[in-house]
């Protein structure tokens, strides 16, 4: 049992030592003035307000909201129910970057978008961008939102799992 605990401890140390620079120390890309859409991925209550602020700031005319019918994010659900002009809601089923990416890429292709601004938790930018790059032929501008320290601490090792799955089992779009 002691060896197992040591192996788990060393794996977590390695996950954080490499994961912190890879997942957390990413700078946001410079925001374009001519993006086609702002995409707010699900999973955090912080992404939607940040994406709305970008749309309100004139970065893009369209807001794409990844939504889930079972979500606890009432603001997101209410917005998708009212469907104001300039809003598209994407229901990708089980909400993961692997499910959201094909739906967002299909929408971008259908509307002939060249540039999207991807808004998600800072720690999730790496995995989400890789999933979108496999699915679409458009420029992705990253915009990360901060999360509480405890959520970030939990997310770093979990992002390794997502990246591992995305690079092995879920390679397609």
N, C-alpha and C. Protein backbone atom coordinates (compact mmCIF):
# COMPACT_ATOMS: atom_id res chain seq x y z
N UNK A 1 0.82 -1.20 0.00
CA UNK A 1 0.00 0.00 0.00
C UNK A 1 0.87 1.26 0.00
N UNK A 2 1.98 1.20 0.69
CA UNK A 2 2.86 2.36 0.77
C UNK A 2 3.45 2.70 -0.61
N UNK A 3 3.83 1.68 -1.36
CA UNK A 3 4.37 1.90 -2.71
C UNK A 3 3.33 2.56 -3.61
N UNK A 4 2.11 2.09 -3.48
CA UNK A 4 1.03 2.67 -4.27
C UNK A 4 0.86 4.16 -3.94
N UNK A 5 0.88 4.49 -2.68
CA UNK A 5 0.76 5.89 -2.26
C UNK A 5 1.92 6.73 -2.79
N UNK A 6 3.11 6.17 -2.78
CA UNK A 6 4.28 6.90 -3.30
C UNK A 6 4.15 7.12 -4.81
N UNK A 7 3.70 6.09 -5.52
CA UNK A 7 3.53 6.22 -6.97
C UNK A 7 2.46 7.26 -7.29
N UNK A 8 1.36 7.24 -6.58
CA UNK A 8 0.30 8.23 -6.79
C UNK A 8 0.82 9.63 -6.48
N UNK A 9 1.54 9.77 -5.39
CA UNK A 9 2.10 11.07 -5.03
C UNK A 9 3.05 11.58 -6.11
N UNK A 10 3.94 10.74 -6.60
CA UNK A 10 4.88 11.14 -7.64
C UNK A 10 4.16 11.47 -8.95
N UNK A 11 3.12 10.74 -9.26
CA UNK A 11 2.34 11.03 -10.47
C UNK A 11 1.66 12.40 -10.36
N UNK A 12 1.14 12.71 -9.19
CA UNK A 12 0.51 14.01 -8.99
C UNK A 12 1.53 15.14 -9.04
N UNK A 13 2.69 14.92 -8.46
CA UNK A 13 3.75 15.94 -8.52
C UNK A 13 4.12 16.20 -9.98
N UNK A 14 4.28 15.14 -10.76
CA UNK A 14 4.61 15.31 -12.18
C UNK A 14 3.48 15.99 -12.93
N UNK A 15 2.23 15.61 -12.63
CA UNK A 15 1.08 16.21 -13.30
C UNK A 15 1.03 17.72 -13.05
N UNK A 16 1.30 18.13 -11.83
CA UNK A 16 1.30 19.56 -11.52
C UNK A 16 2.53 20.26 -12.07
N UNK A 17 3.69 19.62 -11.97
CA UNK A 17 4.93 20.26 -12.43
C UNK A 17 4.89 20.57 -13.92
N UNK A 18 4.30 19.69 -14.69
CA UNK A 18 4.19 19.92 -16.14
C UNK A 18 2.88 20.62 -16.47
N UNK A 19 1.81 20.28 -15.74
CA UNK A 19 0.49 20.81 -16.04
C UNK A 19 0.32 22.29 -15.74
N UNK A 20 0.95 22.78 -14.71
CA UNK A 20 0.81 24.20 -14.38
C UNK A 20 1.30 25.08 -15.52
N UNK A 21 2.52 24.86 -16.04
CA UNK A 21 2.92 25.70 -17.19
C UNK A 21 2.08 25.44 -18.44
N UNK A 22 1.70 24.19 -18.66
CA UNK A 22 0.97 23.84 -19.88
C UNK A 22 -0.47 24.34 -19.86
N UNK A 23 -1.14 24.20 -18.73
CA UNK A 23 -2.56 24.53 -18.65
C UNK A 23 -2.86 25.90 -18.06
N UNK A 24 -2.02 26.38 -17.16
CA UNK A 24 -2.37 27.60 -16.43
C UNK A 24 -1.57 28.83 -16.84
N UNK A 25 -0.40 28.66 -17.37
CA UNK A 25 0.44 29.81 -17.70
C UNK A 25 0.33 30.19 -19.17
N UNK A 26 -0.82 30.01 -19.72
CA UNK A 26 -1.08 30.37 -21.11
C UNK A 26 -1.60 31.80 -21.14
N UNK A 27 -1.02 32.62 -21.95
CA UNK A 27 -1.52 33.99 -22.12
C UNK A 27 -2.69 33.98 -23.08
N UNK A 28 -3.62 34.89 -22.84
CA UNK A 28 -4.70 35.05 -23.80
C UNK A 28 -4.13 35.58 -25.10
N UNK A 29 -4.73 35.18 -26.20
CA UNK A 29 -4.35 35.72 -27.49
C UNK A 29 -4.85 37.16 -27.59
N UNK A 30 -4.19 37.99 -28.39
CA UNK A 30 -4.73 39.34 -28.60
C UNK A 30 -6.11 39.24 -29.25
N UNK A 31 -7.04 39.99 -28.72
CA UNK A 31 -8.41 39.92 -29.23
C UNK A 31 -8.51 40.64 -30.57
N UNK A 32 -9.09 39.98 -31.55
CA UNK A 32 -9.28 40.63 -32.86
C UNK A 32 -10.48 41.58 -32.79
N UNK A 33 -10.54 42.48 -33.73
CA UNK A 33 -11.71 43.37 -33.79
C UNK A 33 -12.73 42.87 -34.79
N UNK A 34 -12.40 41.77 -35.47
CA UNK A 34 -13.27 41.29 -36.54
C UNK A 34 -13.58 39.80 -36.43
N UNK A 35 -13.70 39.28 -35.21
CA UNK A 35 -14.05 37.87 -35.04
C UNK A 35 -15.48 37.65 -35.51
N UNK A 36 -15.78 36.44 -35.93
CA UNK A 36 -17.12 36.11 -36.38
C UNK A 36 -18.04 35.74 -35.22
N UNK A 37 -17.47 35.12 -34.18
CA UNK A 37 -18.30 34.68 -33.05
C UNK A 37 -17.44 34.53 -31.80
N UNK A 38 -18.12 34.70 -30.68
CA UNK A 38 -17.55 34.40 -29.38
C UNK A 38 -18.21 33.09 -28.93
N UNK A 39 -17.42 32.10 -28.55
CA UNK A 39 -17.95 30.80 -28.15
C UNK A 39 -17.71 30.60 -26.66
N UNK A 40 -18.80 30.47 -25.91
CA UNK A 40 -18.72 30.24 -24.47
C UNK A 40 -18.94 28.76 -24.21
N UNK A 41 -17.86 28.06 -23.88
CA UNK A 41 -18.00 26.64 -23.56
C UNK A 41 -18.66 26.47 -22.20
N UNK A 42 -19.27 25.34 -22.00
CA UNK A 42 -19.94 25.06 -20.74
C UNK A 42 -18.93 24.56 -19.71
N UNK A 43 -19.42 24.27 -18.53
CA UNK A 43 -18.56 23.73 -17.49
C UNK A 43 -18.22 24.73 -16.40
N UNK A 44 -18.44 26.00 -16.65
CA UNK A 44 -18.13 27.02 -15.65
C UNK A 44 -19.18 28.12 -15.71
N UNK A 45 -19.54 28.62 -14.56
CA UNK A 45 -20.46 29.75 -14.51
C UNK A 45 -19.78 31.05 -14.92
N UNK A 46 -18.46 31.05 -15.02
CA UNK A 46 -17.72 32.27 -15.32
C UNK A 46 -17.55 32.54 -16.82
N UNK A 47 -17.74 31.53 -17.66
CA UNK A 47 -17.49 31.73 -19.10
C UNK A 47 -18.56 32.58 -19.77
N UNK A 48 -19.81 32.38 -19.42
CA UNK A 48 -20.88 33.14 -20.09
C UNK A 48 -20.77 34.64 -19.84
N UNK A 49 -20.61 35.11 -18.60
CA UNK A 49 -20.47 36.56 -18.41
C UNK A 49 -19.26 37.14 -19.15
N UNK A 50 -18.15 36.40 -19.18
CA UNK A 50 -16.96 36.88 -19.90
C UNK A 50 -17.24 36.96 -21.39
N UNK A 51 -17.91 35.96 -21.93
CA UNK A 51 -18.24 35.97 -23.36
C UNK A 51 -19.22 37.09 -23.69
N UNK A 52 -20.19 37.31 -22.84
CA UNK A 52 -21.15 38.40 -23.07
C UNK A 52 -20.46 39.75 -23.06
N UNK A 53 -19.49 39.92 -22.18
CA UNK A 53 -18.74 41.17 -22.12
C UNK A 53 -17.96 41.39 -23.41
N UNK A 54 -17.40 40.32 -23.97
CA UNK A 54 -16.67 40.45 -25.24
C UNK A 54 -17.59 40.82 -26.38
N UNK A 55 -18.76 40.21 -26.44
CA UNK A 55 -19.73 40.56 -27.48
C UNK A 55 -20.17 42.01 -27.29
N UNK A 56 -20.44 42.39 -26.06
CA UNK A 56 -20.83 43.77 -25.76
C UNK A 56 -19.73 44.76 -26.09
N UNK A 57 -18.48 44.30 -26.06
CA UNK A 57 -17.34 45.16 -26.39
C UNK A 57 -17.06 45.26 -27.87
N UNK A 58 -17.88 44.62 -28.69
CA UNK A 58 -17.75 44.74 -30.14
C UNK A 58 -16.72 43.83 -30.78
N UNK A 59 -16.29 42.81 -30.08
CA UNK A 59 -15.30 41.88 -30.63
C UNK A 59 -15.91 41.03 -31.75
N UNK A 60 -17.16 40.63 -31.58
CA UNK A 60 -17.86 39.81 -32.58
C UNK A 60 -19.35 40.06 -32.47
N UNK A 61 -20.08 39.88 -33.56
CA UNK A 61 -21.52 40.13 -33.52
C UNK A 61 -22.34 38.95 -32.99
N UNK A 62 -21.73 37.78 -32.91
CA UNK A 62 -22.48 36.57 -32.58
C UNK A 62 -21.93 35.93 -31.31
N UNK A 63 -22.83 35.45 -30.46
CA UNK A 63 -22.46 34.71 -29.26
C UNK A 63 -22.97 33.28 -29.41
N UNK A 64 -22.07 32.33 -29.28
CA UNK A 64 -22.43 30.91 -29.33
C UNK A 64 -22.29 30.38 -27.91
N UNK A 65 -23.35 29.82 -27.40
CA UNK A 65 -23.37 29.31 -26.03
C UNK A 65 -23.55 27.80 -26.08
N UNK A 66 -22.59 27.10 -25.51
CA UNK A 66 -22.72 25.66 -25.37
C UNK A 66 -23.56 25.41 -24.13
N UNK A 67 -24.68 24.75 -24.33
CA UNK A 67 -25.63 24.57 -23.23
C UNK A 67 -25.95 23.09 -23.05
N UNK A 68 -26.46 22.78 -21.89
CA UNK A 68 -26.85 21.43 -21.53
C UNK A 68 -28.20 21.52 -20.83
N UNK A 69 -29.16 20.75 -21.31
CA UNK A 69 -30.51 20.80 -20.72
C UNK A 69 -30.50 20.47 -19.23
N UNK A 70 -29.51 19.70 -18.77
CA UNK A 70 -29.45 19.28 -17.37
C UNK A 70 -28.57 20.19 -16.53
N UNK A 71 -28.11 21.29 -17.10
CA UNK A 71 -27.18 22.17 -16.42
C UNK A 71 -27.81 22.86 -15.22
N UNK A 72 -26.96 23.17 -14.25
CA UNK A 72 -27.41 23.97 -13.10
C UNK A 72 -27.20 25.46 -13.36
N UNK A 73 -26.63 25.80 -14.49
CA UNK A 73 -26.35 27.20 -14.83
C UNK A 73 -27.64 27.83 -15.37
N UNK A 74 -28.41 28.40 -14.45
CA UNK A 74 -29.71 28.96 -14.81
C UNK A 74 -29.60 30.15 -15.76
N UNK A 75 -28.55 30.94 -15.63
CA UNK A 75 -28.37 32.09 -16.53
C UNK A 75 -28.21 31.61 -17.98
N UNK A 76 -27.43 30.57 -18.17
CA UNK A 76 -27.21 30.01 -19.50
C UNK A 76 -28.50 29.43 -20.06
N UNK A 77 -29.22 28.67 -19.24
CA UNK A 77 -30.47 28.07 -19.69
C UNK A 77 -31.52 29.13 -20.03
N UNK A 78 -31.62 30.16 -19.20
CA UNK A 78 -32.60 31.24 -19.46
C UNK A 78 -32.26 31.98 -20.75
N UNK A 79 -30.98 32.25 -20.96
CA UNK A 79 -30.56 32.94 -22.17
C UNK A 79 -30.92 32.12 -23.41
N UNK A 80 -30.69 30.82 -23.34
CA UNK A 80 -30.99 29.95 -24.49
C UNK A 80 -32.50 29.78 -24.69
N UNK A 81 -33.27 29.93 -23.65
CA UNK A 81 -34.74 29.87 -23.81
C UNK A 81 -35.27 31.12 -24.51
N UNK A 82 -34.71 32.27 -24.17
CA UNK A 82 -35.21 33.51 -24.76
C UNK A 82 -34.66 33.77 -26.15
N UNK A 83 -33.48 33.24 -26.45
CA UNK A 83 -32.84 33.34 -27.76
C UNK A 83 -32.86 34.75 -28.36
N UNK A 84 -32.19 35.69 -27.73
CA UNK A 84 -32.13 37.04 -28.33
C UNK A 84 -31.35 37.02 -29.64
N UNK A 85 -31.50 38.07 -30.40
CA UNK A 85 -30.80 38.17 -31.67
C UNK A 85 -29.28 38.16 -31.42
N UNK A 86 -28.57 37.49 -32.29
CA UNK A 86 -27.12 37.41 -32.15
C UNK A 86 -26.66 36.29 -31.24
N UNK A 87 -27.57 35.37 -30.89
CA UNK A 87 -27.24 34.26 -30.01
C UNK A 87 -27.59 32.94 -30.69
N UNK A 88 -26.67 31.99 -30.60
CA UNK A 88 -26.93 30.63 -31.04
C UNK A 88 -26.55 29.71 -29.89
N UNK A 89 -27.46 28.82 -29.53
CA UNK A 89 -27.16 27.84 -28.49
C UNK A 89 -26.89 26.50 -29.14
N UNK A 90 -25.84 25.85 -28.67
CA UNK A 90 -25.44 24.55 -29.18
C UNK A 90 -25.67 23.55 -28.06
N UNK A 91 -26.44 22.52 -28.37
CA UNK A 91 -26.70 21.45 -27.41
C UNK A 91 -25.95 20.21 -27.91
N UNK A 92 -24.81 19.97 -27.31
CA UNK A 92 -23.93 18.91 -27.80
C UNK A 92 -24.14 17.59 -27.07
N UNK A 93 -25.17 17.47 -26.29
CA UNK A 93 -25.36 16.24 -25.51
C UNK A 93 -24.48 16.29 -24.28
N UNK A 94 -23.77 15.20 -24.02
CA UNK A 94 -22.85 15.19 -22.89
C UNK A 94 -21.81 16.28 -23.11
N UNK A 95 -21.72 17.19 -22.16
CA UNK A 95 -20.89 18.37 -22.36
C UNK A 95 -19.43 18.07 -22.05
N UNK A 96 -18.66 17.92 -23.11
CA UNK A 96 -17.22 17.83 -23.04
C UNK A 96 -16.70 18.50 -24.30
N UNK A 97 -15.44 18.88 -24.29
CA UNK A 97 -14.87 19.51 -25.48
C UNK A 97 -14.96 18.59 -26.68
N UNK A 98 -14.93 17.27 -26.44
CA UNK A 98 -15.01 16.32 -27.55
C UNK A 98 -16.38 16.33 -28.19
N UNK A 99 -17.42 16.64 -27.43
CA UNK A 99 -18.78 16.71 -27.97
C UNK A 99 -19.08 18.11 -28.49
N UNK A 100 -18.55 19.11 -27.83
CA UNK A 100 -18.83 20.49 -28.23
C UNK A 100 -18.12 20.84 -29.53
N UNK A 101 -16.90 20.36 -29.71
CA UNK A 101 -16.09 20.74 -30.88
C UNK A 101 -16.76 20.43 -32.21
N UNK A 102 -17.31 19.22 -32.44
CA UNK A 102 -17.96 18.97 -33.73
C UNK A 102 -19.16 19.87 -33.96
N UNK A 103 -19.93 20.15 -32.91
CA UNK A 103 -21.11 21.01 -33.07
C UNK A 103 -20.70 22.44 -33.40
N UNK A 104 -19.67 22.93 -32.75
CA UNK A 104 -19.20 24.29 -33.01
C UNK A 104 -18.57 24.38 -34.39
N UNK A 105 -17.79 23.37 -34.76
CA UNK A 105 -17.16 23.36 -36.09
C UNK A 105 -18.20 23.30 -37.19
N UNK A 106 -19.26 22.52 -37.00
CA UNK A 106 -20.34 22.44 -38.00
C UNK A 106 -21.02 23.80 -38.15
N UNK A 107 -21.25 24.46 -37.04
CA UNK A 107 -21.87 25.79 -37.08
C UNK A 107 -20.96 26.79 -37.80
N UNK A 108 -19.67 26.73 -37.50
CA UNK A 108 -18.72 27.64 -38.15
C UNK A 108 -18.66 27.39 -39.65
N UNK A 109 -18.70 26.13 -40.05
CA UNK A 109 -18.67 25.81 -41.48
C UNK A 109 -19.95 26.27 -42.16
N UNK A 110 -21.08 26.03 -41.52
CA UNK A 110 -22.37 26.42 -42.06
C UNK A 110 -22.47 27.94 -42.26
N UNK A 111 -21.89 28.69 -41.34
CA UNK A 111 -21.98 30.15 -41.40
C UNK A 111 -20.74 30.81 -42.01
N UNK A 112 -19.80 29.98 -42.44
CA UNK A 112 -18.59 30.45 -43.11
C UNK A 112 -17.77 31.40 -42.22
N UNK A 113 -17.55 30.98 -40.97
CA UNK A 113 -16.78 31.77 -40.04
C UNK A 113 -15.29 31.51 -40.22
N UNK A 114 -14.51 32.56 -40.14
CA UNK A 114 -13.05 32.45 -40.23
C UNK A 114 -12.38 32.49 -38.86
N UNK A 115 -12.95 33.23 -37.92
CA UNK A 115 -12.32 33.43 -36.62
C UNK A 115 -13.36 33.33 -35.51
N UNK A 116 -13.03 32.52 -34.50
CA UNK A 116 -13.87 32.46 -33.30
C UNK A 116 -12.99 32.77 -32.09
N UNK A 117 -13.60 33.35 -31.08
CA UNK A 117 -12.92 33.57 -29.80
C UNK A 117 -13.47 32.52 -28.85
N UNK A 118 -12.60 31.67 -28.38
CA UNK A 118 -12.96 30.57 -27.51
C UNK A 118 -12.85 31.01 -26.06
N UNK A 119 -13.95 31.00 -25.34
CA UNK A 119 -13.97 31.42 -23.94
C UNK A 119 -14.26 30.19 -23.08
N UNK A 120 -13.29 29.84 -22.25
CA UNK A 120 -13.44 28.71 -21.35
C UNK A 120 -12.51 28.92 -20.15
N UNK A 121 -12.57 28.03 -19.20
CA UNK A 121 -11.67 28.12 -18.05
C UNK A 121 -10.23 28.06 -18.54
N UNK A 122 -9.38 28.84 -17.91
CA UNK A 122 -7.98 28.90 -18.35
C UNK A 122 -7.36 27.51 -18.43
N UNK A 123 -7.61 26.67 -17.45
CA UNK A 123 -7.00 25.34 -17.45
C UNK A 123 -7.53 24.45 -18.56
N UNK A 124 -8.66 24.80 -19.15
CA UNK A 124 -9.28 23.97 -20.20
C UNK A 124 -8.94 24.43 -21.61
N UNK A 125 -8.26 25.55 -21.75
CA UNK A 125 -7.96 26.10 -23.08
C UNK A 125 -7.18 25.12 -23.95
N UNK A 126 -6.17 24.49 -23.41
CA UNK A 126 -5.31 23.60 -24.19
C UNK A 126 -6.12 22.46 -24.82
N UNK A 127 -6.88 21.73 -24.01
CA UNK A 127 -7.66 20.59 -24.51
C UNK A 127 -8.76 21.04 -25.46
N UNK A 128 -9.44 22.13 -25.13
CA UNK A 128 -10.53 22.60 -25.97
C UNK A 128 -10.03 23.08 -27.33
N UNK A 129 -8.92 23.81 -27.33
CA UNK A 129 -8.38 24.27 -28.61
C UNK A 129 -7.94 23.10 -29.48
N UNK A 130 -7.32 22.09 -28.88
CA UNK A 130 -6.88 20.92 -29.67
C UNK A 130 -8.08 20.20 -30.27
N UNK A 131 -9.16 20.07 -29.51
CA UNK A 131 -10.36 19.41 -30.03
C UNK A 131 -10.96 20.22 -31.18
N UNK A 132 -11.02 21.54 -31.04
CA UNK A 132 -11.57 22.38 -32.11
C UNK A 132 -10.69 22.39 -33.35
N UNK A 133 -9.38 22.36 -33.17
CA UNK A 133 -8.47 22.36 -34.31
C UNK A 133 -8.66 21.10 -35.16
N UNK A 134 -8.96 19.99 -34.52
CA UNK A 134 -9.18 18.75 -35.27
C UNK A 134 -10.48 18.78 -36.05
N UNK A 135 -11.42 19.60 -35.61
CA UNK A 135 -12.76 19.58 -36.21
C UNK A 135 -13.00 20.68 -37.24
N UNK A 136 -12.31 21.78 -37.15
CA UNK A 136 -12.65 22.88 -38.03
C UNK A 136 -11.45 23.54 -38.66
N UNK A 137 -11.74 24.30 -39.67
CA UNK A 137 -10.70 25.04 -40.38
C UNK A 137 -10.95 26.53 -40.18
N UNK A 138 -10.72 27.00 -38.99
CA UNK A 138 -10.91 28.40 -38.65
C UNK A 138 -9.89 28.78 -37.59
N UNK A 139 -9.66 30.07 -37.47
CA UNK A 139 -8.71 30.57 -36.48
C UNK A 139 -9.38 30.60 -35.12
N UNK A 140 -8.64 30.13 -34.11
CA UNK A 140 -9.15 30.10 -32.74
C UNK A 140 -8.35 31.07 -31.91
N UNK A 141 -9.04 32.03 -31.32
CA UNK A 141 -8.41 32.98 -30.41
C UNK A 141 -8.81 32.58 -29.00
N UNK A 142 -7.81 32.36 -28.15
CA UNK A 142 -8.07 31.88 -26.79
C UNK A 142 -8.33 33.03 -25.82
N UNK A 143 -9.35 32.83 -24.97
CA UNK A 143 -9.64 33.78 -23.91
C UNK A 143 -10.01 32.96 -22.67
N UNK A 144 -9.11 32.90 -21.71
CA UNK A 144 -9.33 32.08 -20.52
C UNK A 144 -9.89 32.88 -19.37
N UNK A 145 -10.82 32.25 -18.65
CA UNK A 145 -11.38 32.88 -17.45
C UNK A 145 -10.80 32.17 -16.23
N UNK A 146 -10.63 32.93 -15.18
CA UNK A 146 -10.07 32.37 -13.95
C UNK A 146 -11.17 31.66 -13.17
N UNK A 147 -10.74 30.65 -12.46
CA UNK A 147 -11.63 29.86 -11.62
C UNK A 147 -11.11 29.93 -10.19
N UNK A 148 -11.93 29.55 -9.22
CA UNK A 148 -11.45 29.49 -7.84
C UNK A 148 -10.25 28.55 -7.73
N UNK A 149 -9.35 28.81 -6.78
CA UNK A 149 -8.12 28.03 -6.66
C UNK A 149 -8.40 26.55 -6.47
N UNK A 150 -9.43 26.20 -5.71
CA UNK A 150 -9.71 24.79 -5.44
C UNK A 150 -10.17 24.05 -6.69
N UNK A 151 -10.92 24.76 -7.53
CA UNK A 151 -11.38 24.13 -8.78
C UNK A 151 -10.21 23.93 -9.74
N UNK A 152 -9.32 24.90 -9.78
CA UNK A 152 -8.14 24.80 -10.62
C UNK A 152 -7.24 23.67 -10.13
N UNK A 153 -7.09 23.56 -8.82
CA UNK A 153 -6.25 22.50 -8.26
C UNK A 153 -6.77 21.11 -8.62
N UNK A 154 -8.06 20.95 -8.62
CA UNK A 154 -8.67 19.67 -9.00
C UNK A 154 -8.56 19.46 -10.51
N UNK A 155 -8.69 20.53 -11.27
CA UNK A 155 -8.75 20.42 -12.73
C UNK A 155 -7.44 20.05 -13.39
N UNK A 156 -6.31 20.46 -12.84
CA UNK A 156 -5.03 20.20 -13.52
C UNK A 156 -4.81 18.72 -13.78
N UNK A 157 -4.93 17.83 -12.78
CA UNK A 157 -4.76 16.41 -13.11
C UNK A 157 -5.85 15.88 -14.04
N UNK A 158 -7.07 16.40 -13.90
CA UNK A 158 -8.16 15.94 -14.77
C UNK A 158 -7.93 16.37 -16.22
N UNK A 159 -7.30 17.52 -16.43
CA UNK A 159 -7.00 17.94 -17.80
C UNK A 159 -6.04 16.97 -18.48
N UNK A 160 -5.13 16.39 -17.70
CA UNK A 160 -4.24 15.37 -18.27
C UNK A 160 -5.05 14.19 -18.80
N UNK A 161 -6.09 13.81 -18.07
CA UNK A 161 -6.95 12.72 -18.52
C UNK A 161 -7.64 13.12 -19.83
N UNK A 162 -8.18 14.33 -19.89
CA UNK A 162 -8.86 14.80 -21.10
C UNK A 162 -7.91 14.86 -22.28
N UNK A 163 -6.72 15.39 -22.07
CA UNK A 163 -5.75 15.47 -23.16
C UNK A 163 -5.35 14.07 -23.60
N UNK A 164 -5.14 13.18 -22.64
CA UNK A 164 -4.79 11.80 -22.98
C UNK A 164 -5.86 11.12 -23.80
N UNK A 165 -7.12 11.29 -23.40
CA UNK A 165 -8.22 10.71 -24.17
C UNK A 165 -8.32 11.34 -25.55
N UNK A 166 -8.15 12.66 -25.61
CA UNK A 166 -8.24 13.37 -26.89
C UNK A 166 -7.15 13.01 -27.86
N UNK A 167 -5.99 12.65 -27.35
CA UNK A 167 -4.87 12.32 -28.22
C UNK A 167 -4.79 10.82 -28.54
N UNK A 168 -5.60 10.01 -27.90
CA UNK A 168 -5.55 8.57 -28.15
C UNK A 168 -6.90 8.02 -28.59
N UNK A 169 -7.83 7.97 -27.69
CA UNK A 169 -9.12 7.31 -27.94
C UNK A 169 -10.07 8.16 -28.78
N UNK A 170 -10.11 9.45 -28.54
CA UNK A 170 -11.07 10.34 -29.22
C UNK A 170 -10.37 11.24 -30.23
N UNK A 171 -9.57 10.68 -31.09
CA UNK A 171 -8.78 11.45 -32.06
C UNK A 171 -9.64 12.12 -33.13
N UNK A 172 -10.74 11.54 -33.49
CA UNK A 172 -11.54 12.10 -34.57
C UNK A 172 -12.33 13.31 -34.12
N UNK A 173 -13.10 13.80 -35.05
CA UNK A 173 -13.92 14.96 -34.73
C UNK A 173 -15.31 14.51 -34.33
